[in-house]
Amino acid sequence: MRDAEPSQRLGEDRGASSAAAHVERRGADRRARATPRLSRYSFFGGRRRGGRRSGEEAHSFVDQYGLEMWGLLAWVALMNACDSFFTLLHLQEGAIELNPVAAWMLTAGRVGFVALKSILITLPLVVLCLHKNFPLARLGLWLAASVYTALVAYHIWLL
């Protein structure tokens, strides 16, 4: 007896998969809408840390972020807060702000300056976090951490 033709084998496979498709499911099909970039799973019990299949690590979105990512984000946020503190400290001692954007933010007062500066770093950090598996985003995050660390070191050196 001879093997079945490839087209017949495909038909058998299709029949098996269509039988599996009729399994009773609860709720609407989750694949009917796009997966959100940020969801409750980003913070509480997501399932994916990497790609679904081998080779899908780069350029994929996930719903869990590792300790290294959270640590790096926290470091950049801490360095931003230190930069704000030292900027206000140096200005109080008679220094002038050379960065025109920061000088404009200072017109909102001390609290306004810190709030605006925090917002302007938080939004890009969220974007970089969501794109953590993209090489350019990882480079941007490490670059931000390095530049902020150097800036805070410079502030300390000025003391």
C-alpha atoms as a PDB file:
ATOM      1  CA  MET A   1       0.000   0.000   0.000  1.00  0.00           C
ATOM      2  CA  ARG A   2       1.325   3.332  -0.969  1.00  0.00           C
ATOM      3  CA  ASP A   3       1.570   6.490   1.246  1.00  0.00           C
ATOM      4  CA  ALA A   4      -1.182   9.061   0.938  1.00  0.00           C
ATOM      5  CA  GLU A   5      -0.588  12.035  -1.290  1.00  0.00           C
ATOM      6  CA  PRO A   6       0.702  15.204   0.448  1.00  0.00           C
ATOM      7  CA  SER A   7      -2.564  16.995  -0.323  1.00  0.00           C
ATOM      8  CA  GLN A   8      -4.503  14.195   1.363  1.00  0.00           C
ATOM      9  CA  ARG A   9      -2.227  14.386   4.401  1.00  0.00           C
ATOM     10  CA  LEU A  10      -2.820  18.131   4.605  1.00  0.00           C
ATOM     11  CA  GLY A  11      -6.539  17.553   4.429  1.00  0.00           C
ATOM     12  CA  GLU A  12      -6.311  15.123   7.329  1.00  0.00           C
ATOM     13  CA  ASP A  13      -4.316  17.669   9.335  1.00  0.00           C
ATOM     14  CA  ARG A  14      -6.854  20.360   8.555  1.00  0.00           C
ATOM     15  CA  GLY A  15      -9.635  18.063   9.695  1.00  0.00           C
ATOM     16  CA  ALA A  16      -7.881  17.434  12.984  1.00  0.00           C
ATOM     17  CA  SER A  17      -7.274  21.126  13.590  1.00  0.00           C
ATOM     18  CA  SER A  18     -10.847  22.068  12.669  1.00  0.00           C
ATOM     19  CA  ALA A  19     -12.101  19.491  15.176  1.00  0.00           C
ATOM     20  CA  ALA A  20      -9.930  21.137  17.835  1.00  0.00           C
ATOM     21  CA  ALA A  21     -11.315  24.546  16.838  1.00  0.00           C
ATOM     22  CA  HIS A  22     -14.812  23.502  17.921  1.00  0.00           C
ATOM     23  CA  VAL A  23     -13.753  23.096  21.542  1.00  0.00           C
ATOM     24  CA  GLU A  24     -15.974  25.067  23.892  1.00  0.00           C
ATOM     25  CA  ARG A  25     -14.267  28.298  25.003  1.00  0.00           C
ATOM     26  CA  ARG A  26     -15.273  30.783  27.655  1.00  0.00           C
ATOM     27  CA  GLY A  27     -15.611  34.423  26.738  1.00  0.00           C
ATOM     28  CA  ALA A  28     -14.791  36.200  23.506  1.00  0.00           C
ATOM     29  CA  ASP A  29     -11.766  35.270  21.439  1.00  0.00           C
ATOM     30  CA  ARG A  30      -8.884  37.332  22.857  1.00  0.00           C
ATOM     31  CA  ARG A  31      -7.175  37.309  19.470  1.00  0.00           C
ATOM     32  CA  ALA A  32      -9.986  39.386  17.966  1.00  0.00           C
ATOM     33  CA  ARG A  33      -8.335  42.587  19.246  1.00  0.00           C
ATOM     34  CA  ALA A  34      -4.746  43.749  19.422  1.00  0.00           C
ATOM     35  CA  THR A  35      -2.711  43.057  22.542  1.00  0.00           C
ATOM     36  CA  PRO A  36      -2.270  46.255  24.579  1.00  0.00           C
ATOM     37  CA  ARG A  37       1.285  47.520  25.061  1.00  0.00           C
ATOM     38  CA  LEU A  38       0.652  48.148  28.749  1.00  0.00           C
ATOM     39  CA  SER A  39      -1.812  46.077  30.753  1.00  0.00           C
ATOM     40  CA  ARG A  40      -2.399  44.812  34.266  1.00  0.00           C
ATOM     41  CA  TYR A  41      -0.104  41.901  33.435  1.00  0.00           C
ATOM     42  CA  SER A  42       2.815  44.320  33.092  1.00  0.00           C
ATOM     43  CA  PHE A  43       2.760  44.734  36.873  1.00  0.00           C
ATOM     44  CA  PHE A  44       0.848  41.732  38.253  1.00  0.00           C
ATOM     45  CA  GLY A  45       1.440  38.205  36.972  1.00  0.00           C
ATOM     46  CA  GLY A  46       1.990  38.416  33.243  1.00  0.00           C
ATOM     47  CA  ARG A  47       2.965  35.311  31.364  1.00  0.00           C
ATOM     48  CA  ARG A  48       5.625  36.179  28.826  1.00  0.00           C
ATOM     49  CA  ARG A  49       9.170  37.322  29.491  1.00  0.00           C
ATOM     50  CA  GLY A  50      10.446  36.465  26.008  1.00  0.00           C
ATOM     51  CA  GLY A  51       9.293  35.471  22.539  1.00  0.00           C
ATOM     52  CA  ARG A  52       6.868  32.606  21.997  1.00  0.00           C
ATOM     53  CA  ARG A  53       9.213  30.660  19.752  1.00  0.00           C
ATOM     54  CA  SER A  54      12.974  30.409  19.525  1.00  0.00           C
ATOM     55  CA  GLY A  55      14.475  33.314  17.638  1.00  0.00           C
ATOM     56  CA  GLU A  56      11.678  35.729  18.568  1.00  0.00           C
ATOM     57  CA  GLU A  57      13.432  37.441  21.464  1.00  0.00           C
ATOM     58  CA  ALA A  58      14.402  40.572  19.532  1.00  0.00           C
ATOM     59  CA  HIS A  59      11.666  42.932  18.359  1.00  0.00           C
ATOM     60  CA  SER A  60       8.908  41.349  20.445  1.00  0.00           C
ATOM     61  CA  PHE A  61       6.634  42.777  23.108  1.00  0.00           C
ATOM     62  CA  VAL A  62       6.195  40.972  26.406  1.00  0.00           C
ATOM     63  CA  ASP A  63       4.036  41.447  29.466  1.00  0.00           C
ATOM     64  CA  GLN A  64       6.671  40.848  32.144  1.00  0.00           C
ATOM     65  CA  TYR A  65       9.789  42.831  32.830  1.00  0.00           C
ATOM     66  CA  GLY A  66      12.756  41.433  34.727  1.00  0.00           C
ATOM     67  CA  LEU A  67      14.493  42.800  37.802  1.00  0.00           C
ATOM     68  CA  GLU A  68      17.311  44.193  35.672  1.00  0.00           C
ATOM     69  CA  MET A  69      14.825  46.304  33.704  1.00  0.00           C
ATOM     70  CA  TRP A  70      13.045  47.593  36.833  1.00  0.00           C
ATOM     71  CA  GLY A  71      16.415  48.304  38.463  1.00  0.00           C
ATOM     72  CA  LEU A  72      17.652  50.262  35.463  1.00  0.00           C
ATOM     73  CA  LEU A  73      14.421  52.266  35.264  1.00  0.00           C
ATOM     74  CA  ALA A  74      14.615  53.017  38.988  1.00  0.00           C
ATOM     75  CA  TRP A  75      18.257  54.072  38.614  1.00  0.00           C
ATOM     76  CA  VAL A  76      17.446  56.567  35.843  1.00  0.00           C
ATOM     77  CA  ALA A  77      14.520  57.929  37.885  1.00  0.00           C
ATOM     78  CA  LEU A  78      16.757  58.285  40.953  1.00  0.00           C
ATOM     79  CA  MET A  79      19.475  60.036  38.938  1.00  0.00           C
ATOM     80  CA  ASN A  80      16.816  62.387  37.517  1.00  0.00           C
ATOM     81  CA  ALA A  81      15.664  63.239  41.046  1.00  0.00           C
ATOM     82  CA  CYS A  82      19.272  63.829  42.142  1.00  0.00           C
ATOM     83  CA  ASP A  83      19.842  66.049  39.106  1.00  0.00           C
ATOM     84  CA  SER A  84      16.774  68.121  40.045  1.00  0.00           C
ATOM     85  CA  PHE A  85      17.935  68.418  43.654  1.00  0.00           C
ATOM     86  CA  PHE A  86      21.485  69.431  42.756  1.00  0.00           C
ATOM     87  CA  THR A  87      20.279  71.869  40.083  1.00  0.00           C
ATOM     88  CA  LEU A  88      18.102  73.659  42.625  1.00  0.00           C
ATOM     89  CA  LEU A  89      20.921  73.564  45.191  1.00  0.00           C
ATOM     90  CA  HIS A  90      23.449  75.097  42.775  1.00  0.00           C
ATOM     91  CA  LEU A  91      20.956  77.741  41.667  1.00  0.00           C
ATOM     92  CA  GLN A  92      20.343  78.677  45.294  1.00  0.00           C
ATOM     93  CA  GLU A  93      24.088  79.204  45.679  1.00  0.00           C
ATOM     94  CA  GLY A  94      24.194  81.612  42.727  1.00  0.00           C
ATOM     95  CA  ALA A  95      24.776  79.375  39.698  1.00  0.00           C
ATOM     96  CA  ILE A  96      22.909  79.925  36.425  1.00  0.00           C
ATOM     97  CA  GLU A  97      21.102  77.338  34.332  1.00  0.00           C
ATOM     98  CA  LEU A  98      22.718  76.949  30.905  1.00  0.00           C
ATOM     99  CA  ASN A  99      20.169  74.473  29.512  1.00  0.00           C
ATOM    100  CA  PRO A 100      17.428  76.593  27.867  1.00  0.00           C
ATOM    101  CA  VAL A 101      14.745  73.916  28.377  1.00  0.00           C
ATOM    102  CA  ALA A 102      15.583  73.584  32.079  1.00  0.00           C
ATOM    103  CA  ALA A 103      15.708  77.389  32.380  1.00  0.00           C
ATOM    104  CA  TRP A 104      12.197  77.569  30.922  1.00  0.00           C
ATOM    105  CA  MET A 105      10.983  74.858  33.326  1.00  0.00           C
ATOM    106  CA  LEU A 106      12.417  76.856  36.233  1.00  0.00           C
ATOM    107  CA  THR A 107       9.963  79.661  35.440  1.00  0.00           C
ATOM    108  CA  ALA A 108       7.259  77.344  36.862  1.00  0.00           C
ATOM    109  CA  GLY A 109       8.896  77.517  40.299  1.00  0.00           C
ATOM    110  CA  ARG A 110      10.675  74.815  42.251  1.00  0.00           C
ATOM    111  CA  VAL A 111       7.761  72.397  42.525  1.00  0.00           C
ATOM    112  CA  GLY A 112       6.802  73.009  38.895  1.00  0.00           C
ATOM    113  CA  PHE A 113      10.401  72.424  37.808  1.00  0.00           C
ATOM    114  CA  VAL A 114      10.620  69.093  39.633  1.00  0.00           C
ATOM    115  CA  ALA A 115       7.183  68.016  38.356  1.00  0.00           C
ATOM    116  CA  LEU A 116       7.923  68.941  34.732  1.00  0.00           C
ATOM    117  CA  LYS A 117      11.358  67.316  34.852  1.00  0.00           C
ATOM    118  CA  SER A 118       9.876  64.148  36.348  1.00  0.00           C
ATOM    119  CA  ILE A 119       7.165  63.963  33.691  1.00  0.00           C
ATOM    120  CA  LEU A 120       9.656  64.590  30.895  1.00  0.00           C
ATOM    121  CA  ILE A 121      11.780  61.635  32.015  1.00  0.00           C
ATOM    122  CA  THR A 122       8.946  59.286  33.033  1.00  0.00           C
ATOM    123  CA  LEU A 123       7.215  59.248  29.648  1.00  0.00           C
ATOM    124  CA  PRO A 124      10.344  58.227  27.692  1.00  0.00           C
ATOM    125  CA  LEU A 125      11.169  55.638  30.376  1.00  0.00           C
ATOM    126  CA  VAL A 126       7.750  54.035  29.885  1.00  0.00           C
ATOM    127  CA  VAL A 127       8.304  53.899  26.117  1.00  0.00           C
ATOM    128  CA  LEU A 128      11.787  52.422  26.545  1.00  0.00           C
ATOM    129  CA  CYS A 129      10.472  49.846  29.012  1.00  0.00           C
ATOM    130  CA  LEU A 130       7.686  48.731  26.670  1.00  0.00           C
ATOM    131  CA  HIS A 131      10.219  48.325  23.867  1.00  0.00           C
ATOM    132  CA  LYS A 132      12.818  46.551  26.011  1.00  0.00           C
ATOM    133  CA  ASN A 133      13.391  43.789  23.439  1.00  0.00           C
ATOM    134  CA  PHE A 134      14.315  46.276  20.730  1.00  0.00           C
ATOM    135  CA  PRO A 135      18.067  46.977  20.481  1.00  0.00           C
ATOM    136  CA  LEU A 136      17.632  50.736  20.011  1.00  0.00           C
ATOM    137  CA  ALA A 137      15.464  50.985  23.145  1.00  0.00           C
ATOM    138  CA  ARG A 138      18.022  49.044  25.209  1.00  0.00           C
ATOM    139  CA  LEU A 139      20.750  51.350  23.921  1.00  0.00           C
ATOM    140  CA  GLY A 140      18.640  54.396  24.800  1.00  0.00           C
ATOM    141  CA  LEU A 141      17.997  53.145  28.313  1.00  0.00           C
ATOM    142  CA  TRP A 142      21.655  52.369  29.008  1.00  0.00           C
ATOM    143  CA  LEU A 143      22.659  55.700  27.464  1.00  0.00           C
ATOM    144  CA  ALA A 144      20.181  57.563  29.684  1.00  0.00           C
ATOM    145  CA  ALA A 145      21.494  55.750  32.765  1.00  0.00           C
ATOM    146  CA  SER A 146      25.106  56.549  31.828  1.00  0.00           C
ATOM    147  CA  VAL A 147      24.486  60.214  31.013  1.00  0.00           C
ATOM    148  CA  TYR A 148      22.432  60.821  34.162  1.00  0.00           C
ATOM    149  CA  THR A 149      25.064  59.086  36.300  1.00  0.00           C
ATOM    150  CA  ALA A 150      27.798  61.259  34.777  1.00  0.00           C
ATOM    151  CA  LEU A 151      25.649  64.369  35.270  1.00  0.00           C
ATOM    152  CA  VAL A 152      25.065  63.613  38.947  1.00  0.00           C
ATOM    153  CA  ALA A 153      28.789  62.911  39.391  1.00  0.00           C
ATOM    154  CA  TYR A 154      29.475  66.340  37.838  1.00  0.00           C
ATOM    155  CA  HIS A 155      26.992  67.974  40.232  1.00  0.00           C
ATOM    156  CA  ILE A 156      28.789  66.335  43.167  1.00  0.00           C
ATOM    157  CA  TRP A 157      32.158  67.447  41.794  1.00  0.00           C
ATOM    158  CA  LEU A 158      30.852  71.050  41.684  1.00  0.00           C
ATOM    159  CA  LEU A 159      30.144  70.965  45.419  1.00  0.00           C
END
